[in-house]
Amino acid sequence: MTITHIVLFQFKAGVSAEVVKDVCTSMLALKDNCLHPTSQKPYILSSSGGKDNSPEGIQSGITHAFVVEFASAADRDYYVEKDPAHLEFVRRFGGVLEKVQAVDYTPGVL
C-alpha cells in the first residue's frame, strides 16, 4: 500500500528568498535524487509542493508544504532513516528551518 508523506516548513526569520527557493527546489529534486538501495533507481512515486496560499489563516507559521508518495512503508522508512540524498538535505537545510512537521498516512486507512 502506498504511503503519503506530508512535510510542512516554517523558515526562520530573516532567511532570504533565495535560500527559501533553494530549499524548496532541493526538496522537490529529492524525487530524482533519492535512489533505491537495491535498484539504484529513483523510488519516490510523486512529489509536489510549494508556498502556502490558503486564505484560512490557520497555518500557525507554516509557509510551505510538500507531499511525497512512496510505494511502501519500507521505502518511506528508508527515505527517512537512511537515504543519503535525504539525509544530506536535512543536514544542509535544517539550520534555516524554525519548524518542520511531518504527517504520514496510508490512503483509505481510517
PDB file of N, CA and C in Angstrom:
ATOM      1  N   MET A   1       0.836  -1.188   0.000  1.00  0.00           N
ATOM      2  CA  MET A   1       0.000   0.000   0.000  1.00  0.00           C
ATOM      3  C   MET A   1       0.877   1.247   0.000  1.00  0.00           C
ATOM      4  N   THR A   2       0.439   2.246  -0.720  1.00  0.00           N
ATOM      5  CA  THR A   2       1.224   3.474  -0.792  1.00  0.00           C
ATOM      6  C   THR A   2       1.183   4.223   0.540  1.00  0.00           C
ATOM      7  N   ILE A   3       2.191   5.032   0.735  1.00  0.00           N
ATOM      8  CA  ILE A   3       2.294   5.911   1.899  1.00  0.00           C
ATOM      9  C   ILE A   3       2.406   7.337   1.377  1.00  0.00           C
ATOM     10  N   THR A   4       1.584   8.220   1.918  1.00  0.00           N
ATOM     11  CA  THR A   4       1.663   9.643   1.591  1.00  0.00           C
ATOM     12  C   THR A   4       2.343  10.344   2.754  1.00  0.00           C
ATOM     13  N   HIS A   5       3.396  11.067   2.451  1.00  0.00           N
ATOM     14  CA  HIS A   5       4.258  11.742   3.437  1.00  0.00           C
ATOM     15  C   HIS A   5       4.102  13.242   3.215  1.00  0.00           C
ATOM     16  N   ILE A   6       3.541  13.933   4.196  1.00  0.00           N
ATOM     17  CA  ILE A   6       3.326  15.378   4.097  1.00  0.00           C
ATOM     18  C   ILE A   6       4.332  16.077   5.006  1.00  0.00           C
ATOM     19  N   VAL A   7       5.058  17.037   4.447  1.00  0.00           N
ATOM     20  CA  VAL A   7       6.075  17.770   5.197  1.00  0.00           C
ATOM     21  C   VAL A   7       5.742  19.261   5.135  1.00  0.00           C
ATOM     22  N   LEU A   8       5.770  19.906   6.296  1.00  0.00           N
ATOM     23  CA  LEU A   8       5.441  21.325   6.404  1.00  0.00           C
ATOM     24  C   LEU A   8       6.640  22.082   6.966  1.00  0.00           C
ATOM     25  N   PHE A   9       6.948  23.226   6.370  1.00  0.00           N
ATOM     26  CA  PHE A   9       8.099  24.036   6.785  1.00  0.00           C
ATOM     27  C   PHE A   9       7.668  25.412   7.254  1.00  0.00           C
ATOM     28  N   GLN A  10       8.336  25.883   8.296  1.00  0.00           N
ATOM     29  CA  GLN A  10       8.336  27.293   8.682  1.00  0.00           C
ATOM     30  C   GLN A  10       9.803  27.709   8.706  1.00  0.00           C
ATOM     31  N   PHE A  11      10.143  28.714   7.936  1.00  0.00           N
ATOM     32  CA  PHE A  11      11.520  29.185   7.878  1.00  0.00           C
ATOM     33  C   PHE A  11      11.810  30.144   9.025  1.00  0.00           C
ATOM     34  N   LYS A  12      13.059  30.167   9.451  1.00  0.00           N
ATOM     35  CA  LYS A  12      13.472  31.110  10.486  1.00  0.00           C
ATOM     36  C   LYS A  12      13.358  32.529   9.959  1.00  0.00           C
ATOM     37  N   ALA A  13      13.110  33.466  10.866  1.00  0.00           N
ATOM     38  CA  ALA A  13      13.041  34.880  10.499  1.00  0.00           C
ATOM     39  C   ALA A  13      14.348  35.299   9.853  1.00  0.00           C
ATOM     40  N   GLY A  14      14.253  36.085   8.807  1.00  0.00           N
ATOM     41  CA  GLY A  14      15.442  36.626   8.157  1.00  0.00           C
ATOM     42  C   GLY A  14      16.046  35.745   7.079  1.00  0.00           C
ATOM     43  N   VAL A  15      15.505  34.548   6.856  1.00  0.00           N
ATOM     44  CA  VAL A  15      16.030  33.697   5.784  1.00  0.00           C
ATOM     45  C   VAL A  15      15.651  34.336   4.450  1.00  0.00           C
ATOM     46  N   SER A  16      16.628  34.494   3.586  1.00  0.00           N
ATOM     47  CA  SER A  16      16.399  35.184   2.319  1.00  0.00           C
ATOM     48  C   SER A  16      15.494  34.386   1.388  1.00  0.00           C
ATOM     49  N   ALA A  17      14.856  35.096   0.473  1.00  0.00           N
ATOM     50  CA  ALA A  17      14.001  34.457  -0.527  1.00  0.00           C
ATOM     51  C   ALA A  17      14.810  33.487  -1.380  1.00  0.00           C
ATOM     52  N   GLU A  18      16.066  33.810  -1.624  1.00  0.00           N
ATOM     53  CA  GLU A  18      16.941  32.939  -2.416  1.00  0.00           C
ATOM     54  C   GLU A  18      17.158  31.599  -1.716  1.00  0.00           C
ATOM     55  N   VAL A  19      17.387  31.630  -0.407  1.00  0.00           N
ATOM     56  CA  VAL A  19      17.586  30.398   0.354  1.00  0.00           C
ATOM     57  C   VAL A  19      16.289  29.593   0.408  1.00  0.00           C
ATOM     58  N   VAL A  20      15.154  30.275   0.617  1.00  0.00           N
ATOM     59  CA  VAL A  20      13.862  29.592   0.632  1.00  0.00           C
ATOM     60  C   VAL A  20      13.645  28.867  -0.698  1.00  0.00           C
ATOM     61  N   LYS A  21      13.930  29.541  -1.784  1.00  0.00           N
ATOM     62  CA  LYS A  21      13.764  28.927  -3.107  1.00  0.00           C
ATOM     63  C   LYS A  21      14.700  27.729  -3.262  1.00  0.00           C
ATOM     64  N   ASP A  22      15.925  27.848  -2.779  1.00  0.00           N
ATOM     65  CA  ASP A  22      16.894  26.751  -2.865  1.00  0.00           C
ATOM     66  C   ASP A  22      16.405  25.540  -2.073  1.00  0.00           C
ATOM     67  N   VAL A  23      15.878  25.774  -0.876  1.00  0.00           N
ATOM     68  CA  VAL A  23      15.350  24.680  -0.064  1.00  0.00           C
ATOM     69  C   VAL A  23      14.197  23.992  -0.797  1.00  0.00           C
ATOM     70  N   CYS A  24      13.281  24.779  -1.314  1.00  0.00           N
ATOM     71  CA  CYS A  24      12.108  24.217  -1.994  1.00  0.00           C
ATOM     72  C   CYS A  24      12.487  23.450  -3.257  1.00  0.00           C
ATOM     73  N   THR A  25      13.373  24.013  -4.042  1.00  0.00           N
ATOM     74  CA  THR A  25      13.841  23.341  -5.257  1.00  0.00           C
ATOM     75  C   THR A  25      14.552  22.041  -4.907  1.00  0.00           C
ATOM     76  N   SER A  26      15.357  22.087  -3.863  1.00  0.00           N
ATOM     77  CA  SER A  26      16.086  20.889  -3.436  1.00  0.00           C
ATOM     78  C   SER A  26      15.142  19.826  -2.887  1.00  0.00           C
ATOM     79  N   MET A  27      14.108  20.265  -2.175  1.00  0.00           N
ATOM     80  CA  MET A  27      13.122  19.316  -1.647  1.00  0.00           C
ATOM     81  C   MET A  27      12.430  18.582  -2.807  1.00  0.00           C
ATOM     82  N   LEU A  28      12.018  19.316  -3.815  1.00  0.00           N
ATOM     83  CA  LEU A  28      11.345  18.702  -4.957  1.00  0.00           C
ATOM     84  C   LEU A  28      12.302  17.820  -5.772  1.00  0.00           C
ATOM     85  N   ALA A  29      13.575  18.176  -5.791  1.00  0.00           N
ATOM     86  CA  ALA A  29      14.576  17.404  -6.538  1.00  0.00           C
ATOM     87  C   ALA A  29      14.853  16.045  -5.901  1.00  0.00           C
ATOM     88  N   LEU A  30      14.471  15.872  -4.636  1.00  0.00           N
ATOM     89  CA  LEU A  30      14.692  14.579  -3.989  1.00  0.00           C
ATOM     90  C   LEU A  30      13.991  13.446  -4.736  1.00  0.00           C
ATOM     91  N   LYS A  31      12.917  13.748  -5.447  1.00  0.00           N
ATOM     92  CA  LYS A  31      12.211  12.719  -6.222  1.00  0.00           C
ATOM     93  C   LYS A  31      13.168  12.021  -7.191  1.00  0.00           C
ATOM     94  N   ASP A  32      14.065  12.766  -7.779  1.00  0.00           N
ATOM     95  CA  ASP A  32      15.021  12.190  -8.730  1.00  0.00           C
ATOM     96  C   ASP A  32      16.354  11.833  -8.080  1.00  0.00           C
ATOM     97  N   ASN A  33      16.683  12.488  -6.988  1.00  0.00           N
ATOM     98  CA  ASN A  33      17.986  12.289  -6.349  1.00  0.00           C
ATOM     99  C   ASN A  33      18.029  11.131  -5.359  1.00  0.00           C
ATOM    100  N   CYS A  34      16.880  10.731  -4.851  1.00  0.00           N
ATOM    101  CA  CYS A  34      16.825   9.605  -3.911  1.00  0.00           C
ATOM    102  C   CYS A  34      16.757   8.306  -4.707  1.00  0.00           C
ATOM    103  N   LEU A  35      17.741   7.463  -4.500  1.00  0.00           N
ATOM    104  CA  LEU A  35      17.842   6.214  -5.250  1.00  0.00           C
ATOM    105  C   LEU A  35      17.635   5.014  -4.341  1.00  0.00           C
ATOM    106  N   HIS A  36      16.890   4.043  -4.836  1.00  0.00           N
ATOM    107  CA  HIS A  36      16.629   2.816  -4.080  1.00  0.00           C
ATOM    108  C   HIS A  36      17.954   2.092  -3.850  1.00  0.00           C
ATOM    109  N   PRO A  37      18.181   1.555  -2.654  1.00  0.00           N
ATOM    110  CA  PRO A  37      19.482   0.940  -2.358  1.00  0.00           C
ATOM    111  C   PRO A  37      19.784  -0.302  -3.189  1.00  0.00           C
ATOM    112  N   THR A  38      18.772  -0.989  -3.687  1.00  0.00           N
ATOM    113  CA  THR A  38      18.995  -2.192  -4.484  1.00  0.00           C
ATOM    114  C   THR A  38      19.053  -1.888  -5.975  1.00  0.00           C
ATOM    115  N   SER A  39      18.038  -1.176  -6.478  1.00  0.00           N
ATOM    116  CA  SER A  39      17.948  -0.926  -7.921  1.00  0.00           C
ATOM    117  C   SER A  39      18.782   0.269  -8.371  1.00  0.00           C
ATOM    118  N   GLN A  40      19.123   1.154  -7.440  1.00  0.00           N
ATOM    119  CA  GLN A  40      19.833   2.405  -7.747  1.00  0.00           C
ATOM    120  C   GLN A  40      19.035   3.273  -8.715  1.00  0.00           C
ATOM    121  N   LYS A  41      17.706   3.165  -8.641  1.00  0.00           N
ATOM    122  CA  LYS A  41      16.803   3.988  -9.444  1.00  0.00           C
ATOM    123  C   LYS A  41      15.918   4.796  -8.506  1.00  0.00           C
ATOM    124  N   PRO A  42      15.416   5.953  -8.972  1.00  0.00           N
ATOM    125  CA  PRO A  42      14.513   6.739  -8.133  1.00  0.00           C
ATOM    126  C   PRO A  42      13.314   5.900  -7.690  1.00  0.00           C
ATOM    127  N   TYR A  43      12.918   6.069  -6.430  1.00  0.00           N
ATOM    128  CA  TYR A  43      11.830   5.265  -5.884  1.00  0.00           C
ATOM    129  C   TYR A  43      10.670   6.094  -5.337  1.00  0.00           C
ATOM    130  N   ILE A  44      10.792   7.393  -5.321  1.00  0.00           N
ATOM    131  CA  ILE A  44       9.680   8.246  -4.900  1.00  0.00           C
ATOM    132  C   ILE A  44       8.679   8.280  -6.050  1.00  0.00           C
ATOM    133  N   LEU A  45       7.441   7.914  -5.775  1.00  0.00           N
ATOM    134  CA  LEU A  45       6.429   7.831  -6.830  1.00  0.00           C
ATOM    135  C   LEU A  45       6.019   9.212  -7.340  1.00  0.00           C
ATOM    136  N   SER A  46       5.837  10.149  -6.419  1.00  0.00           N
ATOM    137  CA  SER A  46       5.472  11.513  -6.815  1.00  0.00           C
ATOM    138  C   SER A  46       5.878  12.480  -5.720  1.00  0.00           C
ATOM    139  N   SER A  47       6.053  13.728  -6.120  1.00  0.00           N
ATOM    140  CA  SER A  47       6.427  14.775  -5.179  1.00  0.00           C
ATOM    141  C   SER A  47       5.907  16.104  -5.707  1.00  0.00           C
ATOM    142  N   SER A  48       5.253  16.848  -4.835  1.00  0.00           N
ATOM    143  CA  SER A  48       4.780  18.176  -5.210  1.00  0.00           C
ATOM    144  C   SER A  48       4.821  19.060  -3.972  1.00  0.00           C
ATOM    145  N   GLY A  49       4.732  20.335  -4.201  1.00  0.00           N
ATOM    146  CA  GLY A  49       4.718  21.245  -3.057  1.00  0.00           C
ATOM    147  C   GLY A  49       4.975  22.665  -3.473  1.00  0.00           C
ATOM    148  N   GLY A  50       4.906  23.544  -2.483  1.00  0.00           N
ATOM    149  CA  GLY A  50       5.155  24.950  -2.739  1.00  0.00           C
ATOM    150  C   GLY A  50       4.739  25.822  -1.574  1.00  0.00           C
ATOM    151  N   LYS A  51       4.641  27.104  -1.866  1.00  0.00           N
ATOM    152  CA  LYS A  51       4.327  28.122  -0.863  1.00  0.00           C
ATOM    153  C   LYS A  51       2.838  28.113  -0.535  1.00  0.00           C
ATOM    154  N   ASP A  52       2.545  28.235   0.743  1.00  0.00           N
ATOM    155  CA  ASP A  52       1.163  28.276   1.202  1.00  0.00           C
ATOM    156  C   ASP A  52       0.428  29.461   0.592  1.00  0.00           C
ATOM    157  N   ASN A  53      -0.828  29.224   0.201  1.00  0.00           N
ATOM    158  CA  ASN A  53      -1.660  30.325  -0.283  1.00  0.00           C
ATOM    159  C   ASN A  53      -3.091  30.219   0.264  1.00  0.00           C
ATOM    160  N   SER A  54      -3.243  29.540   1.394  1.00  0.00           N
ATOM    161  CA  SER A  54      -4.562  29.368   1.995  1.00  0.00           C
ATOM    162  C   SER A  54      -5.062  30.679   2.602  1.00  0.00           C
ATOM    163  N   PRO A  55      -6.320  31.026   2.377  1.00  0.00           N
ATOM    164  CA  PRO A  55      -6.893  32.224   2.966  1.00  0.00           C
ATOM    165  C   PRO A  55      -7.409  31.990   4.389  1.00  0.00           C
ATOM    166  N   GLU A  56      -7.311  30.766   4.913  1.00  0.00           N
ATOM    167  CA  GLU A  56      -7.923  30.444   6.197  1.00  0.00           C
ATOM    168  C   GLU A  56      -7.244  31.074   7.407  1.00  0.00           C
ATOM    169  N   GLY A  57      -5.938  31.335   7.308  1.00  0.00           N
ATOM    170  CA  GLY A  57      -5.239  31.969   8.418  1.00  0.00           C
ATOM    171  C   GLY A  57      -4.974  31.059   9.610  1.00  0.00           C
ATOM    172  N   ILE A  58      -4.937  29.754   9.387  1.00  0.00           N
ATOM    173  CA  ILE A  58      -4.698  28.811  10.483  1.00  0.00           C
ATOM    174  C   ILE A  58      -3.403  28.016  10.272  1.00  0.00           C
ATOM    175  N   GLN A  59      -2.440  28.621   9.623  1.00  0.00           N
ATOM    176  CA  GLN A  59      -1.196  27.936   9.279  1.00  0.00           C
ATOM    177  C   GLN A  59      -0.218  27.822  10.445  1.00  0.00           C
ATOM    178  N   SER A  60      -0.409  28.583  11.499  1.00  0.00           N
ATOM    179  CA  SER A  60       0.480  28.534  12.676  1.00  0.00           C
ATOM    180  C   SER A  60       1.946  28.698  12.294  1.00  0.00           C
ATOM    181  N   GLY A  61       2.222  29.594  11.364  1.00  0.00           N
ATOM    182  CA  GLY A  61       3.596  29.882  10.967  1.00  0.00           C
ATOM    183  C   GLY A  61       4.111  29.056   9.803  1.00  0.00           C
ATOM    184  N   ILE A  62       3.432  27.996   9.440  1.00  0.00           N
ATOM    185  CA  ILE A  62       3.864  27.147   8.320  1.00  0.00           C
ATOM    186  C   ILE A  62       3.719  27.946   7.026  1.00  0.00           C
ATOM    187  N   THR A  63       4.774  27.934   6.207  1.00  0.00           N
ATOM    188  CA  THR A  63       4.758  28.710   4.969  1.00  0.00           C
ATOM    189  C   THR A  63       4.842  27.867   3.709  1.00  0.00           C
ATOM    190  N   HIS A  64       5.300  26.614   3.831  1.00  0.00           N
ATOM    191  CA  HIS A  64       5.492  25.760   2.664  1.00  0.00           C
ATOM    192  C   HIS A  64       5.069  24.332   2.993  1.00  0.00           C
ATOM    193  N   ALA A  65       4.489  23.653   2.001  1.00  0.00           N
ATOM    194  CA  ALA A  65       4.034  22.279   2.187  1.00  0.00           C
ATOM    195  C   ALA A  65       4.475  21.415   1.012  1.00  0.00           C
ATOM    196  N   PHE A  66       4.795  20.157   1.324  1.00  0.00           N
ATOM    197  CA  PHE A  66       5.228  19.206   0.315  1.00  0.00           C
ATOM    198  C   PHE A  66       4.546  17.869   0.557  1.00  0.00           C
ATOM    199  N   VAL A  67       4.171  17.196  -0.525  1.00  0.00           N
ATOM    200  CA  VAL A  67       3.532  15.890  -0.453  1.00  0.00           C
ATOM    201  C   VAL A  67       4.382  14.925  -1.276  1.00  0.00           C
ATOM    202  N   VAL A  68       4.837  13.858  -0.610  1.00  0.00           N
ATOM    203  CA  VAL A  68       5.706  12.866  -1.239  1.00  0.00           C
ATOM    204  C   VAL A  68       5.010  11.509  -1.115  1.00  0.00           C
ATOM    205  N   GLU A  69       4.950  10.774  -2.222  1.00  0.00           N
ATOM    206  CA  GLU A  69       4.281   9.478  -2.202  1.00  0.00           C
ATOM    207  C   GLU A  69       5.293   8.354  -2.409  1.00  0.00           C
ATOM    208  N   PHE A  70       5.174   7.344  -1.546  1.00  0.00           N
ATOM    209  CA  PHE A  70       6.037   6.162  -1.605  1.00  0.00           C
ATOM    210  C   PHE A  70       5.195   4.928  -1.891  1.00  0.00           C
ATOM    211  N   ALA A  71       5.795   3.924  -2.512  1.00  0.00           N
ATOM    212  CA  ALA A  71       5.084   2.688  -2.830  1.00  0.00           C
ATOM    213  C   ALA A  71       4.817   1.854  -1.585  1.00  0.00           C
ATOM    214  N   SER A  72       5.644   2.031  -0.550  1.00  0.00           N
ATOM    215  CA  SER A  72       5.508   1.185   0.643  1.00  0.00           C
ATOM    216  C   SER A  72       6.062   1.898   1.871  1.00  0.00           C
ATOM    217  N   ALA A  73       5.698   1.361   3.024  1.00  0.00           N
ATOM    218  CA  ALA A  73       6.253   1.873   4.270  1.00  0.00           C
ATOM    219  C   ALA A  73       7.766   1.648   4.311  1.00  0.00           C
ATOM    220  N   ALA A  74       8.223   0.549   3.738  1.00  0.00           N
ATOM    221  CA  ALA A  74       9.662   0.267   3.715  1.00  0.00           C
ATOM    222  C   ALA A  74      10.416   1.346   2.938  1.00  0.00           C
ATOM    223  N   ASP A  75       9.863   1.778   1.803  1.00  0.00           N
ATOM    224  CA  ASP A  75      10.504   2.852   1.036  1.00  0.00           C
ATOM    225  C   ASP A  75      10.515   4.151   1.824  1.00  0.00           C
ATOM    226  N   ARG A  76       9.386   4.479   2.477  1.00  0.00           N
ATOM    227  CA  ARG A  76       9.326   5.692   3.295  1.00  0.00           C
ATOM    228  C   ARG A  76      10.338   5.631   4.438  1.00  0.00           C
ATOM    229  N   ASP A  77      10.428   4.472   5.077  1.00  0.00           N
ATOM    230  CA  ASP A  77      11.355   4.326   6.203  1.00  0.00           C
ATOM    231  C   ASP A  77      12.802   4.479   5.742  1.00  0.00           C
ATOM    232  N   TYR A  78      13.128   3.904   4.587  1.00  0.00           N
ATOM    233  CA  TYR A  78      14.484   4.063   4.043  1.00  0.00           C
ATOM    234  C   TYR A  78      14.763   5.546   3.790  1.00  0.00           C
ATOM    235  N   TYR A  79      13.820   6.235   3.181  1.00  0.00           N
ATOM    236  CA  TYR A  79      13.951   7.671   2.891  1.00  0.00           C
ATOM    237  C   TYR A  79      14.235   8.458   4.169  1.00  0.00           C
ATOM    238  N   VAL A  80      13.438   8.223   5.188  1.00  0.00           N
ATOM    239  CA  VAL A  80      13.548   8.990   6.429  1.00  0.00           C
ATOM    240  C   VAL A  80      14.825   8.651   7.199  1.00  0.00           C
ATOM    241  N   GLU A  81      15.185   7.371   7.230  1.00  0.00           N
ATOM    242  CA  GLU A  81      16.255   6.921   8.117  1.00  0.00           C
ATOM    243  C   GLU A  81      17.624   6.747   7.468  1.00  0.00           C
ATOM    244  N   LYS A  82      17.670   6.445   6.152  1.00  0.00           N
ATOM    245  CA  LYS A  82      18.950   6.041   5.572  1.00  0.00           C
ATOM    246  C   LYS A  82      19.319   6.675   4.241  1.00  0.00           C
ATOM    247  N   ASP A  83      18.355   7.189   3.496  1.00  0.00           N
ATOM    248  CA  ASP A  83      18.674   7.670   2.151  1.00  0.00           C
ATOM    249  C   ASP A  83      19.712   8.799   2.220  1.00  0.00           C
ATOM    250  N   PRO A  84      20.873   8.611   1.591  1.00  0.00           N
ATOM    251  CA  PRO A  84      21.928   9.626   1.677  1.00  0.00           C
ATOM    252  C   PRO A  84      21.502  10.992   1.134  1.00  0.00           C
ATOM    253  N   ALA A  85      20.740  11.014   0.063  1.00  0.00           N
ATOM    254  CA  ALA A  85      20.317  12.299  -0.512  1.00  0.00           C
ATOM    255  C   ALA A  85      19.378  13.031   0.442  1.00  0.00           C
ATOM    256  N   HIS A  86      18.451  12.311   1.057  1.00  0.00           N
ATOM    257  CA  HIS A  86      17.534  12.940   2.011  1.00  0.00           C
ATOM    258  C   HIS A  86      18.281  13.398   3.264  1.00  0.00           C
ATOM    259  N   LEU A  87      19.156  12.554   3.778  1.00  0.00           N
ATOM    260  CA  LEU A  87      19.914  12.933   4.976  1.00  0.00           C
ATOM    261  C   LEU A  87      20.795  14.150   4.719  1.00  0.00           C
ATOM    262  N   GLU A  88      21.360  14.250   3.530  1.00  0.00           N
ATOM    263  CA  GLU A  88      22.165  15.427   3.167  1.00  0.00           C
ATOM    264  C   GLU A  88      21.274  16.662   3.085  1.00  0.00           C
ATOM    265  N   PHE A  89      20.075  16.530   2.545  1.00  0.00           N
ATOM    266  CA  PHE A  89      19.121  17.639   2.503  1.00  0.00           C
ATOM    267  C   PHE A  89      18.835  18.132   3.924  1.00  0.00           C
ATOM    268  N   VAL A  90      18.559  17.223   4.843  1.00  0.00           N
ATOM    269  CA  VAL A  90      18.265  17.587   6.233  1.00  0.00           C
ATOM    270  C   VAL A  90      19.474  18.282   6.855  1.00  0.00           C
ATOM    271  N   ARG A  91      20.664  17.743   6.638  1.00  0.00           N
ATOM    272  CA  ARG A  91      21.878  18.333   7.193  1.00  0.00           C
ATOM    273  C   ARG A  91      22.116  19.732   6.631  1.00  0.00           C
ATOM    274  N   ARG A  92      21.937  19.861   5.331  1.00  0.00           N
ATOM    275  CA  ARG A  92      22.240  21.121   4.650  1.00  0.00           C
ATOM    276  C   ARG A  92      21.275  22.239   5.028  1.00  0.00           C
ATOM    277  N   PHE A  93      20.002  21.916   5.165  1.00  0.00           N
ATOM    278  CA  PHE A  93      19.000  22.968   5.325  1.00  0.00           C
ATOM    279  C   PHE A  93      18.327  23.018   6.686  1.00  0.00           C
ATOM    280  N   GLY A  94      18.594  22.068   7.549  1.00  0.00           N
ATOM    281  CA  GLY A  94      17.943  22.058   8.853  1.00  0.00           C
ATOM    282  C   GLY A  94      18.127  23.354   9.634  1.00  0.00           C
ATOM    283  N   GLY A  95      19.234  24.013   9.457  1.00  0.00           N
ATOM    284  CA  GLY A  95      19.533  25.231  10.204  1.00  0.00           C
ATOM    285  C   GLY A  95      18.725  26.450   9.815  1.00  0.00           C
ATOM    286  N   VAL A  96      18.039  26.420   8.676  1.00  0.00           N
ATOM    287  CA  VAL A  96      17.250  27.587   8.255  1.00  0.00           C
ATOM    288  C   VAL A  96      15.765  27.408   8.557  1.00  0.00           C
ATOM    289  N   LEU A  97      15.423  26.261   9.127  1.00  0.00           N
ATOM    290  CA  LEU A  97      14.019  25.973   9.400  1.00  0.00           C
ATOM    291  C   LEU A  97      13.695  26.163  10.881  1.00  0.00           C
ATOM    292  N   GLU A  98      12.673  26.929  11.140  1.00  0.00           N
ATOM    293  CA  GLU A  98      12.200  27.154  12.505  1.00  0.00           C
ATOM    294  C   GLU A  98      11.392  25.949  12.983  1.00  0.00           C
ATOM    295  N   LYS A  99      10.552  25.440  12.096  1.00  0.00           N
ATOM    296  CA  LYS A  99       9.669  24.329  12.443  1.00  0.00           C
ATOM    297  C   LYS A  99       9.505  23.425  11.232  1.00  0.00           C
ATOM    298  N   VAL A 100       9.538  22.125  11.497  1.00  0.00           N
ATOM    299  CA  VAL A 100       9.257  21.125  10.466  1.00  0.00           C
ATOM    300  C   VAL A 100       8.259  20.145  11.065  1.00  0.00           C
ATOM    301  N   GLN A 101       7.210  19.872  10.322  1.00  0.00           N
ATOM    302  CA  GLN A 101       6.235  18.885  10.753  1.00  0.00           C
ATOM    303  C   GLN A 101       6.075  17.865   9.638  1.00  0.00           C
ATOM    304  N   ALA A 102       5.884  16.605  10.025  1.00  0.00           N
ATOM    305  CA  ALA A 102       5.641  15.554   9.045  1.00  0.00           C
ATOM    306  C   ALA A 102       4.475  14.705   9.527  1.00  0.00           C
ATOM    307  N   VAL A 103       3.594  14.407   8.603  1.00  0.00           N
ATOM    308  CA  VAL A 103       2.448  13.545   8.856  1.00  0.00           C
ATOM    309  C   VAL A 103       2.375  12.562   7.702  1.00  0.00           C
ATOM    310  N   ASP A 104       2.256  11.287   8.031  1.00  0.00           N
ATOM    311  CA  ASP A 104       2.162  10.246   7.009  1.00  0.00           C
ATOM    312  C   ASP A 104       0.844   9.516   7.157  1.00  0.00           C
ATOM    313  N   TYR A 105       0.344   9.013   6.027  1.00  0.00           N
ATOM    314  CA  TYR A 105      -0.856   8.186   6.098  1.00  0.00           C
ATOM    315  C   TYR A 105      -0.896   7.228   4.929  1.00  0.00           C
ATOM    316  N   THR A 106      -1.663   6.164   5.120  1.00  0.00           N
ATOM    317  CA  THR A 106      -1.944   5.213   4.065  1.00  0.00           C
ATOM    318  C   THR A 106      -3.348   5.525   3.556  1.00  0.00           C
ATOM    319  N   PRO A 107      -3.489   5.880   2.282  1.00  0.00           N
ATOM    320  CA  PRO A 107      -4.816   6.214   1.758  1.00  0.00           C
ATOM    321  C   PRO A 107      -5.839   5.112   2.057  1.00  0.00           C
ATOM    322  N   GLY A 108      -6.975   5.540   2.568  1.00  0.00           N
ATOM    323  CA  GLY A 108      -8.059   4.618   2.854  1.00  0.00           C
ATOM    324  C   GLY A 108      -8.032   4.010   4.231  1.00  0.00           C
ATOM    325  N   VAL A 109      -6.910   4.142   4.951  1.00  0.00           N
ATOM    326  CA  VAL A 109      -6.831   3.603   6.308  1.00  0.00           C
ATOM    327  C   VAL A 109      -7.283   4.692   7.262  1.00  0.00           C
ATOM    328  N   LEU A 110      -8.444   4.476   7.857  1.00  0.00           N
ATOM    329  CA  LEU A 110      -9.040   5.492   8.715  1.00  0.00           C
ATOM    330  C   LEU A 110      -8.851   5.144  10.133  1.00  0.00           C
TER     331      LEU A 110
END
